[in-house]
Protein backbone atom coordinates (compact mmCIF):
# COMPACT_ATOMS: atom_id res chain seq x y z
CA THR A 1 -26.55 -53.39 4.59
CA VAL A 2 -26.69 -55.81 7.93
CA ASN A 3 -23.52 -56.83 9.69
CA SER A 4 -21.32 -55.59 6.74
CA GLY A 5 -23.02 -57.17 4.43
CA HIS A 6 -26.42 -57.06 2.65
CA ALA A 7 -29.47 -58.27 3.24
CA ASN A 8 -33.48 -58.32 1.42
CA LEU A 9 -36.06 -57.49 4.42
CA THR A 10 -39.32 -55.74 3.81
CA GLY A 11 -41.24 -53.19 5.98
CA SER A 12 -42.27 -49.88 6.61
CA SER A 13 -38.49 -49.40 8.82
CA PHE A 14 -37.11 -50.22 5.24
CA ALA A 15 -39.30 -48.27 3.21
CA SER A 16 -39.07 -44.91 4.76
CA PRO A 17 -35.61 -43.87 3.70
CA PHE A 18 -37.14 -44.41 0.31
CA VAL A 19 -39.65 -41.69 1.19
CA ALA A 20 -37.17 -39.14 3.00
CA GLY A 21 -34.95 -39.22 -0.68
CA ALA A 22 -38.01 -38.85 -2.48
CA ALA A 23 -38.93 -36.01 -0.30
CA GLY A 24 -35.77 -34.23 -0.41
CA ILE A 25 -35.47 -34.75 -4.12
CA ILE A 26 -38.73 -33.11 -4.34
CA ARG A 27 -38.22 -30.18 -2.86
CA SER A 28 -34.75 -30.03 -4.41
CA PHE A 29 -37.61 -29.23 -7.81
CA TYR A 30 -39.95 -27.49 -5.98
CA PRO A 31 -38.54 -26.07 -3.28
CA THR A 32 -41.36 -23.90 -2.14
CA LEU A 33 -43.31 -26.36 -1.53
CA THR A 34 -43.87 -27.41 2.47
CA ALA A 35 -43.64 -30.39 4.07
CA PRO A 36 -47.42 -30.90 4.27
CA GLN A 37 -47.38 -29.99 0.52
CA VAL A 38 -44.41 -32.63 -0.17
CA LYS A 39 -46.55 -35.45 1.93
CA ALA A 40 -49.81 -34.58 -0.02
CA LEU A 41 -47.76 -34.99 -3.17
CA ILE A 42 -46.09 -38.30 -2.51
CA ARG A 43 -49.10 -39.89 -1.52
CA ALA A 44 -50.96 -38.59 -4.51
CA SER A 45 -48.89 -40.15 -6.66
CA ALA A 46 -48.21 -43.41 -5.29
CA ASP A 47 -48.88 -46.41 -8.13
CA ASP A 48 -51.66 -48.02 -6.86
CA VAL A 49 -51.00 -52.01 -5.84
CA TYR A 50 -54.51 -52.69 -4.48
CA GLN A 51 -55.52 -53.93 -7.94
CA LEU A 52 -52.70 -56.54 -8.06
CA PRO A 53 -54.15 -60.07 -7.19
CA GLU A 54 -51.52 -61.25 -4.56
CA ASN A 55 -52.28 -57.90 -2.51
CA THR A 56 -55.99 -58.74 -2.27
CA PRO A 57 -55.74 -59.92 1.01
CA TYR A 58 -53.78 -56.58 2.28
CA LEU A 59 -56.88 -54.74 1.45
CA GLU A 60 -56.45 -50.78 3.11
CA LYS A 61 -53.18 -51.87 4.83
CA LEU A 62 -50.24 -50.83 2.34
CA GLY A 63 -50.90 -47.34 2.91
CA LYS A 64 -50.91 -44.87 -0.57
CA GLY A 65 -49.27 -47.39 -2.39
CA ARG A 66 -46.21 -47.85 -4.42
CA LEU A 67 -43.94 -44.63 -4.38
CA ASN A 68 -43.58 -43.26 -7.74
CA LEU A 69 -40.86 -40.25 -7.47
CA VAL A 70 -41.01 -39.29 -11.18
CA ARG A 71 -44.96 -38.96 -11.53
CA ALA A 72 -44.10 -36.85 -8.36
CA ILE A 73 -42.13 -34.88 -9.87
CA ASN A 74 -43.44 -34.44 -13.68
CA GLU A 75 -47.00 -34.58 -12.55
CA LEU A 76 -47.39 -31.86 -9.77
CA ASN A 77 -50.02 -29.60 -12.04
CA GLU A 78 -52.28 -32.12 -11.57
CA TRP A 79 -52.51 -32.19 -8.07
CA PRO A 80 -54.79 -29.45 -7.34
CA ALA A 81 -55.04 -29.98 -3.90
CA ILE A 82 -51.17 -29.71 -3.61
CA ARG A 83 -50.88 -25.72 -4.31
């Protein structure tokens, strides 16, 4: 919300609450994971967005990709480095 209304904005400051919320949800599914493990899981399970033509000019400037909470929760065993 912006000034008691809504606005469509972009940037890492606006992405941060989504990632923080995802980290909380992941910890609720896997309470034994440490904070570094949750971080690694979020990064490993992100969707690659660099293959999209409109993102070509931003190569290596978009972080690890688009947050994918479903993949993070359902594919924990696919990421051996997370254990």
